[in-house]
Amino acid sequence: MESKGRIMSEHNEKWKAEEAIGGNRAAVEALRELITFPLLYSSQAQKLGLKWPRGLLLYGPPGTGKTSLVRAVVRECGAHLTVISPHSVHKAHVGESEKALREAFSQASSHALSGKPSVVFIDEIDALCPRRDHRVDAIDPALRRSGRFDAEVEVTVPTAEERFEILKLYTKKVPLDANVDLEAIATSCNGYVGADLEALCREATMSAVKRSSDANECAGVLSVTMEDWRHARSVVGPSITRGVTVEIPKVTWEDIGGLRDLKKKLQQAVEWPIKHSTAFSRLGISPVRGALLHGPPGCSKTTLAKAAAHAAEASFFSLSGAELYSMYVGESEALLRNTFQRARLAAPSIIFFDEADVVGAKRGGSSSTSITVGERLLSTLLTEMDGLEQAKGILVLAATNRPHAIDAALMRPGRFDLVLYVPPPDLEARHEILRVHTRNMKVRDDVDLRSIAEETELFTGAELEGLCREAGIVALREDISATMVCNRHFQTVKDSLKPALTKEEIDSYSSFMKSQSPKSSGRLESSTSSGSKNKKKKLVPVFSVTSCVVSIAILAAAKYFSTRANRTPNELVVT
């Protein structure tokens, strides 16, 4: 019902929250403890002298189901729910907003005094007040002290298992094709929150409806296929990563010629901790937190990073030095922190820094006494990489052509644990690269890729790819209707190209590896966990939360229920 058109009240019979909520079991149990117990066992608490929390702050990324959780748990305990929404409180005239809040609390109090448990739920509280900060610890202390919002529950991004539960909930009434694997879909949806999964199900169903309509099929035989889900995945992405370049690359290990040993080491560093996390935990092994790929330009460093992300089915966040630098003070560091935070939410994920020598340049190179943008970026990067010790499923990959320019602080264990040299391809690797880049080309039998590989010493992978592409263009120049690429086309291009690399440059890259400690010689080394000798600070969420409680209206509400603390034990405030 509605009271004076301002406040909506709900009352529901006893009911299980799991019937409407998928995943978030920890948050559901916390809400049961903090809402149901104080409301249903208040008399027992009075006898024991126990004081239950009066207010509860529910925070987490948008779309994780905070509002749904409160409604479901309150419905389960059969309490009276008074909902305060932004449109019901925001008024044009001075004093009306405070009056609306007072009426809401008076209404809840009247139900509590009559013996009926009552909960006041302030929905979208960030819309009711100015936005100061994204951190939960930035909420006004007047609201977080004991007797107000003195209990806090975090609603996190769902795991793969929780996403599977949510998908089952949303597809209860959806006719699914026999080949649909919801578990595989859930696994591929890294970073999706409940609202994203709901939109995904809706888009997949709409795709099936459109397909059925185009084929003039009967509505009774409609079914959602895996193709519909794939289409939906291409349309609906995770909302927490919007505004940041993120993808699961389609590059595979087979797309990279040669480098077999290097691929194996990257598989062990990237895939194993994600796909075999239980084995790591069983042996007490800490996974690699960072890996640096260095070598001459064009030797597939970026492609290797993308292939590793694809094999691990991890979200791929890519940043270059040009993207990070900004003319405004503090923006570069903010972008870096934001990327790490979103990577935590979209885990398992890989953060890839191209041109790592830009963001991780050695300090002390400037004659100025002031801190440069590069030094501030490096300090932020070091701090964020140290914070990964408490995160799971996140790896930092970096690539550089100038390994000598990277600050020594990044090279210590716990940051770039693994340093891998990506050399120019040898004969066998060049042959394999040529086969990879000609597998989709119509090549005449007279083309001898082995011979071309022997004649292209010092050529990088990028140059060999360009050679194949230019050979095809030469064939089209001769005859635009050509159907095959001949050996003479390859020879024409090869004779016109010279390798950009010299043996002296290759020697300089090799000397860097010799200057490194044994742990950085390219071998994968995993250090065992050292227990909890040092206390670790808890990471503070840096996402938009349902908090930001700093406004006259909300402070007035805080003052109101603080002064009425002795009215009845049957009231609880949740936001």
Protein backbone atom coordinates (compact mmCIF):
# COMPACT_ATOMS: atom_id res chain seq x y z
CA MET A 1 0.00 0.00 0.00
CA GLU A 2 1.01 3.63 -0.18
CA SER A 3 1.01 6.31 2.47
CA LYS A 4 0.20 9.77 1.10
CA GLY A 5 1.75 8.79 -2.24
CA ARG A 6 5.22 8.90 -0.74
CA ILE A 7 6.20 5.64 0.91
CA MET A 8 5.53 2.14 -0.39
CA SER A 9 4.95 -0.57 2.23
CA GLU A 10 5.01 -4.34 1.69
CA HIS A 11 3.98 -7.27 3.81
CA ASN A 12 4.46 -10.84 2.68
CA GLU A 13 3.89 -14.25 4.16
CA LYS A 14 6.73 -16.51 5.25
CA TRP A 15 8.82 -17.58 2.29
CA LYS A 16 12.33 -18.85 1.42
CA ALA A 17 14.70 -16.25 -0.03
CA GLU A 18 16.47 -18.84 -2.21
CA GLU A 19 13.35 -19.10 -4.36
CA ALA A 20 14.08 -15.63 -5.75
CA ILE A 21 17.83 -15.22 -5.17
CA GLY A 22 20.58 -17.08 -7.00
CA GLY A 23 24.08 -17.12 -5.51
CA ASN A 24 25.24 -14.60 -2.90
CA ARG A 25 24.72 -17.17 -0.17
CA ALA A 26 27.15 -15.46 2.18
CA ALA A 27 25.24 -12.18 1.88
CA VAL A 28 21.89 -13.97 2.33
CA GLU A 29 23.08 -15.64 5.52
CA ALA A 30 24.51 -12.37 6.82
CA LEU A 31 21.20 -10.62 6.14
CA ARG A 32 19.30 -13.42 7.87
CA GLU A 33 21.49 -13.02 10.92
CA LEU A 34 21.34 -9.23 10.98
CA ILE A 35 17.68 -8.81 10.01
CA THR A 36 15.77 -11.93 10.99
CA PHE A 37 17.38 -12.55 14.38
CA PRO A 38 16.86 -9.02 15.78
CA LEU A 39 13.28 -8.92 14.52
CA LEU A 40 12.18 -12.38 15.66
CA TYR A 41 14.25 -12.90 18.80
CA SER A 42 14.22 -9.44 20.35
CA SER A 43 12.68 -10.60 23.64
CA GLN A 44 15.36 -13.25 24.16
CA ALA A 45 18.03 -10.66 23.39
CA GLN A 46 16.59 -8.30 26.01
CA LYS A 47 16.80 -11.03 28.65
CA LEU A 48 20.46 -11.59 27.76
CA GLY A 49 21.22 -7.87 27.56
CA LEU A 50 22.17 -8.20 23.89
CA LYS A 51 21.80 -5.18 21.62
CA TRP A 52 21.17 -5.94 17.97
CA PRO A 53 22.39 -3.63 15.17
CA ARG A 54 19.93 -0.80 14.45
CA GLY A 55 21.15 -0.10 10.92
CA LEU A 56 22.70 -2.15 8.15
CA LEU A 57 24.71 -0.86 5.19
CA LEU A 58 24.57 -3.09 2.13
CA TYR A 59 27.23 -2.22 -0.45
CA GLY A 60 28.63 -3.64 -3.66
CA PRO A 61 28.85 -3.02 -7.42
CA PRO A 62 25.64 -2.02 -9.24
CA GLY A 63 23.45 -4.90 -10.37
CA THR A 64 24.65 -7.47 -7.83
CA GLY A 65 21.17 -7.79 -6.30
CA LYS A 66 21.35 -5.70 -3.14
CA THR A 67 17.72 -4.58 -3.36
CA SER A 68 16.49 -8.06 -4.27
CA LEU A 69 18.38 -9.56 -1.33
CA VAL A 70 16.73 -7.24 1.17
CA ARG A 71 13.25 -7.79 -0.25
CA ALA A 72 13.67 -11.58 -0.30
CA VAL A 73 15.03 -11.92 3.24
CA VAL A 74 12.45 -9.50 4.69
CA ARG A 75 9.71 -11.41 2.90
CA GLU A 76 11.06 -14.66 4.30
CA CYS A 77 10.82 -13.44 7.90
CA GLY A 78 7.35 -11.99 7.32
CA ALA A 79 8.33 -8.52 8.48
CA HIS A 80 6.74 -5.24 7.41
CA LEU A 81 8.89 -3.49 4.81
CA THR A 82 8.86 0.26 4.31
CA VAL A 83 10.72 1.26 1.16
CA ILE A 84 12.12 4.75 0.72
CA SER A 85 13.09 5.47 -2.88
CA PRO A 86 14.66 8.61 -4.36
CA HIS A 87 11.52 9.73 -6.21
CA SER A 88 9.49 9.44 -3.02
CA VAL A 89 11.83 11.70 -1.04
CA HIS A 90 13.15 14.30 -3.46
CA LYS A 91 10.88 17.33 -3.19
CA ALA A 92 10.97 20.78 -4.71
CA HIS A 93 10.29 22.76 -1.53
CA VAL A 94 12.57 23.19 1.46
CA GLY A 95 11.78 20.86 4.33
CA GLU A 96 9.57 18.44 2.40
CA SER A 97 12.33 15.85 1.94
CA GLU A 98 13.02 15.74 5.68
CA LYS A 99 9.28 15.54 6.34
CA ALA A 100 8.93 12.55 3.98
CA LEU A 101 11.73 10.74 5.79
CA ARG A 102 10.19 11.43 9.19
CA GLU A 103 6.85 10.07 7.94
CA ALA A 104 8.57 6.90 6.72
CA PHE A 105 10.18 6.25 10.08
CA SER A 106 6.93 7.10 11.89
CA GLN A 107 5.09 4.57 9.74
CA ALA A 108 7.68 1.88 10.49
CA SER A 109 7.57 2.77 14.17
CA SER A 110 3.78 2.41 14.31
CA HIS A 111 4.02 -1.12 12.93
CA ALA A 112 6.81 -1.98 15.36
CA LEU A 113 4.83 -0.65 18.34
CA SER A 114 1.91 -2.87 17.33
CA GLY A 115 4.19 -5.89 17.70
CA LYS A 116 4.88 -6.44 13.98
CA PRO A 117 8.60 -6.56 13.00
CA SER A 118 9.41 -3.60 10.76
CA VAL A 119 12.27 -2.82 8.37
CA VAL A 120 12.98 0.55 6.75
CA PHE A 121 14.80 0.05 3.44
CA ILE A 122 16.43 3.09 1.82
CA ASP A 123 16.88 2.06 -1.82
CA GLU A 124 19.41 3.76 -4.12
CA ILE A 125 20.70 5.90 -1.29
CA ASP A 126 23.48 7.22 -3.52
CA ALA A 127 20.78 9.05 -5.51
CA LEU A 128 19.46 10.71 -2.35
CA CYS A 129 22.69 12.48 -1.50
CA PRO A 130 25.73 14.15 -3.12
CA ARG A 131 28.40 11.77 -4.24
CA ARG A 132 31.64 12.38 -2.36
CA ASP A 133 33.59 9.20 -2.84
CA HIS A 134 33.33 5.67 -4.17
CA ARG A 135 34.71 4.08 -1.01
CA VAL A 136 32.52 2.63 1.70
CA ASP A 137 34.87 4.03 4.34
CA ALA A 138 34.13 7.56 3.07
CA ILE A 139 30.57 7.48 4.43
CA ASP A 140 29.95 10.15 7.01
CA PRO A 141 31.09 8.88 10.45
CA ALA A 142 27.87 10.23 11.97
CA LEU A 143 26.01 7.46 10.15
CA ARG A 144 28.51 4.66 10.70
CA ARG A 145 28.79 4.90 14.46
CA SER A 146 27.21 2.37 16.79
CA GLY A 147 23.45 2.71 16.91
CA ARG A 148 23.06 3.79 13.28
CA PHE A 149 24.63 1.95 10.34
CA ASP A 150 26.85 -0.13 12.61
CA ALA A 151 26.76 -3.35 10.53
CA GLU A 152 27.97 -3.67 6.94
CA VAL A 153 27.50 -6.47 4.41
CA GLU A 154 29.30 -6.63 1.06
CA VAL A 155 27.51 -8.07 -1.97
CA THR A 156 30.24 -9.23 -4.31
CA VAL A 157 30.35 -10.13 -8.00
CA PRO A 158 29.05 -13.72 -8.34
CA THR A 159 31.45 -16.59 -8.90
CA ALA A 160 31.06 -19.12 -11.74
CA GLU A 161 29.01 -21.41 -9.47
CA GLU A 162 26.79 -18.53 -8.37
CA ARG A 163 26.33 -17.41 -11.98
CA PHE A 164 25.18 -20.94 -12.79
CA GLU A 165 22.57 -20.74 -10.00
CA ILE A 166 21.37 -17.35 -11.24
CA LEU A 167 21.07 -18.60 -14.82
CA LYS A 168 19.04 -21.61 -13.65
CA LEU A 169 16.75 -19.22 -11.78
CA TYR A 170 16.21 -16.96 -14.81
CA THR A 171 15.67 -19.87 -17.23
CA LYS A 172 13.09 -21.78 -15.17
CA LYS A 173 10.35 -20.98 -17.67
CA VAL A 174 12.57 -20.68 -20.76
CA PRO A 175 12.44 -23.62 -23.23
CA LEU A 176 16.10 -24.57 -23.62
CA ASP A 177 17.47 -26.71 -26.42
CA ALA A 178 18.99 -30.04 -25.37
CA ASN A 179 22.50 -28.89 -26.34
CA VAL A 180 22.44 -25.80 -24.09
CA ASP A 181 25.11 -26.02 -21.37
CA LEU A 182 24.27 -23.41 -18.74
CA GLU A 183 27.35 -24.31 -16.72
CA ALA A 184 29.63 -23.54 -19.68
CA ILE A 185 27.78 -20.27 -20.27
CA ALA A 186 28.22 -19.31 -16.62
CA THR A 187 31.94 -20.09 -16.78
CA SER A 188 32.38 -17.85 -19.83
CA CYS A 189 30.59 -14.88 -18.21
CA ASN A 190 33.44 -13.51 -16.11
CA GLY A 191 32.48 -10.29 -14.33
CA TYR A 192 28.74 -10.58 -15.04
CA VAL A 193 26.50 -9.52 -12.15
CA GLY A 194 22.90 -10.62 -11.61
CA ALA A 195 21.44 -7.78 -13.68
CA ASP A 196 23.79 -8.61 -16.58
CA LEU A 197 22.77 -12.28 -16.48
CA GLU A 198 19.11 -11.31 -16.51
CA ALA A 199 19.75 -9.14 -19.58
CA LEU A 200 21.71 -12.02 -21.14
CA CYS A 201 18.78 -14.43 -20.70
CA ARG A 202 16.39 -11.87 -22.12
CA GLU A 203 18.58 -11.25 -25.17
CA ALA A 204 19.02 -14.99 -25.82
CA THR A 205 15.26 -15.51 -25.62
CA MET A 206 14.62 -12.57 -27.97
CA SER A 207 17.14 -14.03 -30.42
CA ALA A 208 15.22 -17.32 -30.39
CA VAL A 209 11.91 -15.50 -30.90
CA LYS A 210 13.29 -13.55 -33.88
CA ARG A 211 14.75 -16.70 -35.42
CA SER A 212 11.48 -18.55 -34.96
CA SER A 213 9.52 -15.64 -36.42
CA ASP A 214 11.75 -15.43 -39.49
CA ALA A 215 11.33 -19.17 -40.07
CA ASN A 216 7.54 -18.98 -39.52
CA GLU A 217 7.80 -21.61 -36.81
CA CYS A 218 5.02 -22.35 -34.35
CA ALA A 219 5.43 -20.68 -30.95
CA GLY A 220 5.01 -24.06 -29.29
CA VAL A 221 8.26 -25.41 -30.78
CA LEU A 222 10.37 -22.41 -29.77
CA SER A 223 13.63 -23.29 -28.00
CA VAL A 224 16.72 -21.28 -27.06
CA THR A 225 19.88 -22.76 -28.59
CA MET A 226 23.58 -22.27 -27.88
CA GLU A 227 23.74 -20.08 -30.98
CA ASP A 228 21.20 -17.75 -29.34
CA TRP A 229 23.36 -17.62 -26.21
CA ARG A 230 26.45 -16.85 -28.26
CA HIS A 231 24.59 -14.01 -29.95
CA ALA A 232 23.46 -12.72 -26.56
CA ARG A 233 27.05 -12.81 -25.27
CA SER A 234 28.15 -10.65 -28.18
CA VAL A 235 25.47 -8.07 -27.33
CA VAL A 236 25.41 -8.08 -23.52
CA GLY A 237 28.70 -7.56 -21.70
CA PRO A 238 29.59 -7.17 -18.02
CA SER A 239 28.48 -3.74 -16.80
CA ILE A 240 31.38 -3.40 -14.35
CA THR A 241 33.89 -3.26 -17.22
CA ARG A 242 32.15 -0.61 -19.29
CA GLY A 243 34.47 2.25 -20.12
CA VAL A 244 37.56 0.00 -20.02
CA THR A 245 38.97 -2.02 -22.92
CA VAL A 246 38.30 -5.62 -21.91
CA GLU A 247 37.89 -8.79 -23.91
CA ILE A 248 38.58 -12.49 -23.96
CA PRO A 249 40.92 -12.65 -26.98
CA LYS A 250 40.26 -15.13 -29.79
CA VAL A 251 43.97 -15.74 -30.37
CA THR A 252 45.05 -19.34 -29.71
CA TRP A 253 48.44 -20.96 -29.20
CA GLU A 254 48.12 -22.47 -32.69
CA ASP A 255 48.10 -18.94 -34.14
CA ILE A 256 51.69 -18.45 -32.97
CA GLY A 257 54.47 -20.25 -34.78
CA GLY A 258 57.40 -21.65 -32.82
CA LEU A 259 58.25 -20.63 -29.23
CA ARG A 260 57.19 -24.02 -27.82
CA ASP A 261 59.16 -23.72 -24.56
CA LEU A 262 57.94 -20.16 -24.01
CA LYS A 263 54.33 -21.20 -24.56
CA LYS A 264 54.72 -23.98 -22.00
CA LYS A 265 56.08 -21.59 -19.38
CA LEU A 266 53.25 -19.13 -20.00
CA GLN A 267 50.70 -21.94 -19.74
CA GLN A 268 52.13 -22.89 -16.36
CA ALA A 269 52.11 -19.27 -15.17
CA VAL A 270 48.69 -18.25 -16.51
CA GLU A 271 46.50 -21.33 -17.05
CA TRP A 272 47.51 -23.55 -14.17
CA PRO A 273 46.65 -21.17 -11.28
CA ILE A 274 43.17 -20.63 -12.78
CA LYS A 275 42.30 -24.12 -14.02
CA HIS A 276 44.11 -26.04 -11.27
CA SER A 277 43.70 -23.69 -8.32
CA THR A 278 42.88 -26.58 -5.96
CA ALA A 279 46.22 -28.22 -6.74
CA PHE A 280 48.05 -24.98 -5.92
CA SER A 281 46.14 -24.68 -2.64
CA ARG A 282 46.79 -28.31 -1.78
CA LEU A 283 50.55 -27.84 -2.04
CA GLY A 284 50.53 -24.34 -0.56
CA ILE A 285 51.94 -22.78 -3.73
CA SER A 286 51.53 -19.09 -4.47
CA PRO A 287 50.85 -18.45 -8.18
CA VAL A 288 52.91 -16.03 -10.23
CA ARG A 289 51.55 -12.49 -9.86
CA GLY A 290 53.40 -10.88 -12.74
CA ALA A 291 55.33 -11.84 -15.87
CA LEU A 292 57.47 -9.66 -18.11
CA LEU A 293 57.94 -10.49 -21.80
CA HIS A 294 60.87 -8.71 -23.41
CA GLY A 295 62.53 -8.96 -26.77
CA PRO A 296 62.86 -7.27 -30.15
CA PRO A 297 59.81 -5.63 -31.76
CA GLY A 298 57.56 -7.88 -33.84
CA CYS A 299 58.35 -11.13 -32.01
CA SER A 300 54.77 -11.86 -30.85
CA LYS A 301 54.96 -10.61 -27.25
CA THR A 302 51.46 -9.11 -27.36
CA THR A 303 50.08 -12.11 -29.26
CA LEU A 304 51.51 -14.46 -26.64
CA ALA A 305 49.76 -12.51 -23.87
CA LYS A 306 46.43 -12.68 -25.74
CA ALA A 307 46.79 -16.40 -26.41
CA ALA A 308 47.49 -17.01 -22.71
CA ALA A 309 44.35 -15.07 -21.75
CA HIS A 310 42.27 -17.04 -24.27
CA ALA A 311 43.57 -20.39 -23.05
CA ALA A 312 42.81 -19.46 -19.44
CA GLU A 313 39.37 -18.04 -20.40
CA ALA A 314 40.33 -14.87 -18.56
CA SER A 315 39.18 -11.30 -19.13
CA PHE A 316 41.91 -9.31 -20.87
CA PHE A 317 42.52 -5.69 -19.86
CA SER A 318 44.98 -4.00 -22.20
CA LEU A 319 46.74 -0.72 -21.41
CA SER A 320 49.49 1.08 -23.30
CA GLY A 321 51.67 3.96 -22.22
CA ALA A 322 49.85 6.36 -24.53
CA GLU A 323 46.48 5.47 -22.97
CA LEU A 324 47.71 6.03 -19.43
CA TYR A 325 49.28 9.45 -19.80
CA SER A 326 46.93 12.38 -19.31
CA MET A 327 47.39 16.14 -19.26
CA TYR A 328 45.38 16.38 -16.03
CA VAL A 329 47.07 15.70 -12.70
CA GLY A 330 45.91 12.48 -11.08
CA GLU A 331 43.92 11.11 -14.04
CA SER A 332 46.62 8.64 -15.07
CA GLU A 333 46.85 7.14 -11.59
CA ALA A 334 43.04 7.04 -11.32
CA LEU A 335 42.77 5.12 -14.61
CA LEU A 336 45.37 2.64 -13.41
CA ARG A 337 43.62 2.09 -10.07
CA ASN A 338 40.25 1.77 -11.82
CA THR A 339 41.61 -0.87 -14.19
CA PHE A 340 42.97 -2.96 -11.33
CA GLN A 341 39.70 -2.66 -9.42
CA ARG A 342 37.63 -3.75 -12.43
CA ALA A 343 40.04 -6.61 -13.06
CA ARG A 344 39.41 -7.80 -9.50
CA LEU A 345 35.68 -7.74 -10.14
CA ALA A 346 36.02 -9.53 -13.51
CA ALA A 347 38.46 -12.19 -12.25
CA PRO A 348 39.94 -14.39 -13.54
CA SER A 349 41.59 -11.63 -15.50
CA ILE A 350 44.86 -10.55 -17.04
CA ILE A 351 46.07 -6.95 -17.05
CA PHE A 352 48.43 -6.44 -19.98
CA PHE A 353 50.79 -3.46 -20.20
CA ASP A 354 52.16 -2.88 -23.67
CA GLU A 355 55.30 -0.73 -23.72
CA ALA A 356 55.87 -1.46 -20.04
CA ASP A 357 59.01 0.68 -20.04
CA VAL A 358 56.72 3.73 -20.22
CA VAL A 359 54.66 2.97 -17.12
CA GLY A 360 57.53 1.28 -15.27
CA ALA A 361 60.41 3.54 -16.24
CA LYS A 362 63.39 3.85 -13.91
CA ARG A 363 63.16 6.61 -11.35
CA GLY A 364 65.72 9.35 -10.93
CA GLY A 365 66.17 10.09 -14.61
CA SER A 366 64.85 13.64 -14.32
CA SER A 367 66.94 16.53 -13.00
CA SER A 368 63.81 18.15 -11.54
CA THR A 369 63.15 17.80 -7.81
CA SER A 370 59.40 17.45 -8.39
CA ILE A 371 57.73 14.06 -8.85
CA THR A 372 57.02 13.36 -12.51
CA VAL A 373 53.91 11.72 -13.97
CA GLY A 374 55.94 8.61 -14.70
CA GLU A 375 57.08 8.32 -11.09
CA ARG A 376 53.52 8.72 -9.81
CA LEU A 377 52.35 6.05 -12.24
CA LEU A 378 55.12 3.72 -11.15
CA SER A 379 54.29 4.22 -7.47
CA THR A 380 50.62 3.46 -8.19
CA LEU A 381 51.55 0.36 -10.19
CA LEU A 382 53.80 -0.93 -7.40
CA THR A 383 51.05 -0.42 -4.83
CA GLU A 384 48.43 -2.17 -6.95
CA MET A 385 50.70 -5.12 -7.73
CA ASP A 386 51.44 -5.55 -4.03
CA GLY A 387 47.68 -5.61 -3.44
CA LEU A 388 47.32 -8.60 -5.77
CA GLU A 389 48.64 -10.84 -2.98
CA GLN A 390 45.14 -10.72 -1.52
CA ALA A 391 43.37 -11.14 -4.86
CA LYS A 392 42.73 -14.39 -6.69
CA GLY A 393 42.80 -15.08 -10.40
CA ILE A 394 44.60 -11.88 -11.43
CA LEU A 395 47.89 -11.76 -13.31
CA VAL A 396 49.85 -8.80 -14.63
CA LEU A 397 51.55 -9.36 -17.99
CA ALA A 398 53.85 -6.76 -19.50
CA ALA A 399 55.79 -6.47 -22.74
CA THR A 400 58.70 -4.22 -23.57
CA ASN A 401 61.39 -3.69 -26.17
CA ARG A 402 63.57 -1.88 -23.60
CA PRO A 403 63.98 -4.13 -20.54
CA HIS A 404 66.96 -2.12 -19.30
CA ALA A 405 64.68 0.92 -18.85
CA ILE A 406 62.36 -0.77 -16.33
CA ASP A 407 62.70 0.18 -12.67
CA ALA A 408 64.37 -2.43 -10.46
CA ALA A 409 61.47 -2.31 -7.97
CA LEU A 410 59.26 -4.05 -10.54
CA MET A 411 61.73 -6.87 -11.03
CA ARG A 412 61.69 -8.19 -7.47
CA PRO A 413 59.76 -11.34 -6.44
CA GLY A 414 56.09 -10.68 -5.83
CA ARG A 415 55.83 -8.33 -8.78
CA PHE A 416 57.38 -9.60 -12.01
CA ASP A 417 58.17 -13.09 -10.70
CA LEU A 418 58.72 -14.36 -14.21
CA VAL A 419 60.92 -12.68 -16.83
CA LEU A 420 60.80 -14.30 -20.26
CA TYR A 421 62.91 -13.46 -23.29
CA VAL A 422 60.99 -13.65 -26.58
CA PRO A 423 63.72 -14.15 -29.20
CA PRO A 424 63.52 -13.72 -32.96
CA PRO A 425 62.34 -16.97 -34.57
CA ASP A 426 64.90 -19.59 -35.50
CA LEU A 427 64.69 -21.67 -38.69
CA GLU A 428 62.03 -24.08 -37.41
CA ALA A 429 60.00 -21.25 -35.91
CA ARG A 430 60.16 -19.23 -39.16
CA HIS A 431 58.95 -22.25 -41.11
CA GLU A 432 56.04 -22.71 -38.70
CA ILE A 433 55.18 -18.99 -38.80
CA LEU A 434 55.06 -19.07 -42.60
CA ARG A 435 52.74 -22.09 -42.47
CA VAL A 436 50.45 -20.30 -39.99
CA HIS A 437 50.15 -17.22 -42.19
CA THR A 438 49.63 -19.15 -45.44
CA ARG A 439 47.09 -21.69 -44.17
CA ASN A 440 44.20 -19.58 -45.48
CA MET A 441 45.99 -18.56 -48.69
CA LYS A 442 45.69 -20.30 -52.06
CA VAL A 443 49.35 -21.19 -52.61
CA ARG A 444 50.72 -23.00 -55.67
CA ASP A 445 52.72 -26.21 -55.20
CA ASP A 446 55.95 -24.51 -56.32
CA VAL A 447 56.06 -22.44 -53.11
CA ASP A 448 58.74 -23.90 -50.82
CA LEU A 449 58.13 -22.44 -47.36
CA ARG A 450 61.17 -24.25 -45.95
CA SER A 451 63.43 -22.57 -48.47
CA ILE A 452 61.89 -19.17 -47.74
CA ALA A 453 62.45 -19.75 -44.00
CA GLU A 454 66.13 -20.53 -44.65
CA GLU A 455 66.54 -17.28 -46.61
CA THR A 456 64.87 -15.03 -44.01
CA GLU A 457 67.35 -15.13 -41.14
CA LEU A 458 66.84 -12.34 -38.55
CA PHE A 459 63.27 -11.76 -39.80
CA THR A 460 60.76 -11.33 -36.99
CA GLY A 461 57.30 -12.89 -36.89
CA ALA A 462 55.69 -9.59 -37.87
CA GLU A 463 58.00 -9.26 -40.88
CA LEU A 464 57.21 -12.82 -42.02
CA GLU A 465 53.49 -12.09 -41.71
CA GLY A 466 54.01 -8.97 -43.83
CA LEU A 467 55.96 -11.01 -46.39
CA CYS A 468 53.03 -13.41 -46.87
CA ARG A 469 50.53 -10.57 -47.14
CA GLU A 470 52.65 -8.64 -49.66
CA ALA A 471 53.14 -11.78 -51.77
CA GLY A 472 49.37 -12.01 -52.15
CA ILE A 473 49.16 -8.33 -53.10
CA VAL A 474 51.90 -8.80 -55.73
CA ALA A 475 49.87 -11.66 -57.23
CA LEU A 476 46.83 -9.37 -57.48
CA ARG A 477 48.91 -6.62 -59.07
CA GLU A 478 49.88 -9.04 -61.83
CA ASP A 479 46.34 -10.22 -62.37
CA ILE A 480 43.38 -9.01 -60.31
CA SER A 481 41.59 -12.28 -61.13
CA ALA A 482 44.50 -14.43 -59.87
CA THR A 483 43.50 -17.52 -57.89
CA MET A 484 46.92 -18.68 -56.64
CA VAL A 485 50.03 -17.14 -55.10
CA CYS A 486 53.20 -18.44 -56.75
CA ASN A 487 56.79 -18.83 -55.58
CA ARG A 488 57.94 -15.88 -57.71
CA HIS A 489 55.60 -13.59 -55.79
CA PHE A 490 57.23 -14.61 -52.52
CA GLN A 491 60.69 -14.20 -54.03
CA THR A 492 59.86 -10.73 -55.34
CA VAL A 493 58.78 -9.54 -51.91
CA LYS A 494 61.65 -11.29 -50.10
CA ASP A 495 64.27 -9.68 -52.31
CA SER A 496 62.84 -6.24 -51.55
CA LEU A 497 62.85 -6.69 -47.76
CA LYS A 498 65.67 -6.42 -45.26
CA PRO A 499 65.41 -7.48 -41.62
CA ALA A 500 65.15 -4.62 -39.17
CA LEU A 501 67.12 -6.55 -36.55
CA THR A 502 70.89 -6.85 -36.35
CA LYS A 503 72.98 -9.41 -34.49
CA GLU A 504 74.27 -6.65 -32.20
CA GLU A 505 70.72 -5.82 -31.10
CA ILE A 506 69.97 -9.48 -30.42
CA ASP A 507 73.14 -9.72 -28.31
CA SER A 508 72.00 -6.73 -26.24
CA TYR A 509 68.71 -8.48 -25.41
CA SER A 510 70.53 -11.68 -24.52
CA SER A 511 72.88 -9.78 -22.20
CA PHE A 512 69.92 -8.51 -20.20
CA MET A 513 68.91 -12.08 -19.35
CA LYS A 514 72.45 -12.85 -18.18
CA SER A 515 72.33 -9.82 -15.87
CA GLN A 516 69.20 -11.10 -14.13
CA SER A 517 69.13 -13.34 -11.08
CA PRO A 518 68.42 -17.07 -11.54
CA LYS A 519 64.74 -16.60 -10.70
CA SER A 520 64.32 -14.46 -13.81
CA SER A 521 66.09 -16.72 -16.28
CA GLY A 522 62.83 -17.78 -17.85
CA ARG A 523 62.10 -20.74 -15.57
CA LEU A 524 58.73 -20.85 -13.86
CA GLU A 525 59.29 -20.76 -10.11
CA SER A 526 56.45 -20.83 -7.60
CA SER A 527 57.07 -19.77 -4.03
CA THR A 528 55.22 -21.45 -1.18
CA SER A 529 52.95 -19.44 1.02
CA SER A 530 54.70 -18.08 4.09
CA GLY A 531 51.60 -18.16 6.29
CA SER A 532 50.39 -15.03 7.97
CA LYS A 533 53.59 -13.60 9.43
CA ASN A 534 52.61 -10.12 8.38
CA LYS A 535 49.13 -8.77 8.75
CA LYS A 536 47.71 -7.67 5.43
CA LYS A 537 45.48 -4.68 5.07
CA LYS A 538 42.06 -5.44 3.71
CA LEU A 539 41.45 -4.07 0.25
CA VAL A 540 38.85 -1.36 0.27
CA PRO A 541 36.33 -1.53 -2.58
CA VAL A 542 36.71 1.38 -4.97
CA PHE A 543 33.50 0.89 -6.87
CA SER A 544 30.27 2.77 -6.77
CA VAL A 545 28.41 1.50 -3.74
CA THR A 546 24.94 1.96 -2.43
CA SER A 547 26.29 4.32 0.18
CA CYS A 548 27.46 7.95 -0.18
CA VAL A 549 25.31 8.91 2.77
CA VAL A 550 25.96 12.63 3.00
CA SER A 551 22.87 14.81 2.66
CA ILE A 552 20.63 16.85 4.86
CA ALA A 553 17.76 14.43 4.31
CA ILE A 554 19.76 11.36 5.27
CA LEU A 555 21.41 13.06 8.24
CA ALA A 556 17.98 14.13 9.38
CA ALA A 557 16.88 10.51 9.18
CA ALA A 558 19.96 9.43 11.15
CA LYS A 559 19.20 12.01 13.82
CA TYR A 560 15.57 10.89 13.85
CA PHE A 561 16.11 7.19 14.47
CA SER A 562 18.99 7.98 16.86
CA THR A 563 16.73 10.05 19.09
CA ARG A 564 14.07 7.33 18.92
CA ALA A 565 16.48 4.54 19.88
CA ASN A 566 14.40 3.57 22.89
CA ARG A 567 11.06 3.36 21.10
CA THR A 568 10.98 -0.39 20.34
CA PRO A 569 13.33 -3.27 19.59
CA ASN A 570 11.32 -4.28 16.50
CA GLU A 571 12.74 -1.70 14.07
CA LEU A 572 15.73 -2.04 11.79
CA VAL A 573 17.08 0.29 9.12
CA VAL A 574 18.68 -1.17 6.01
CA THR A 575 20.26 0.78 3.17
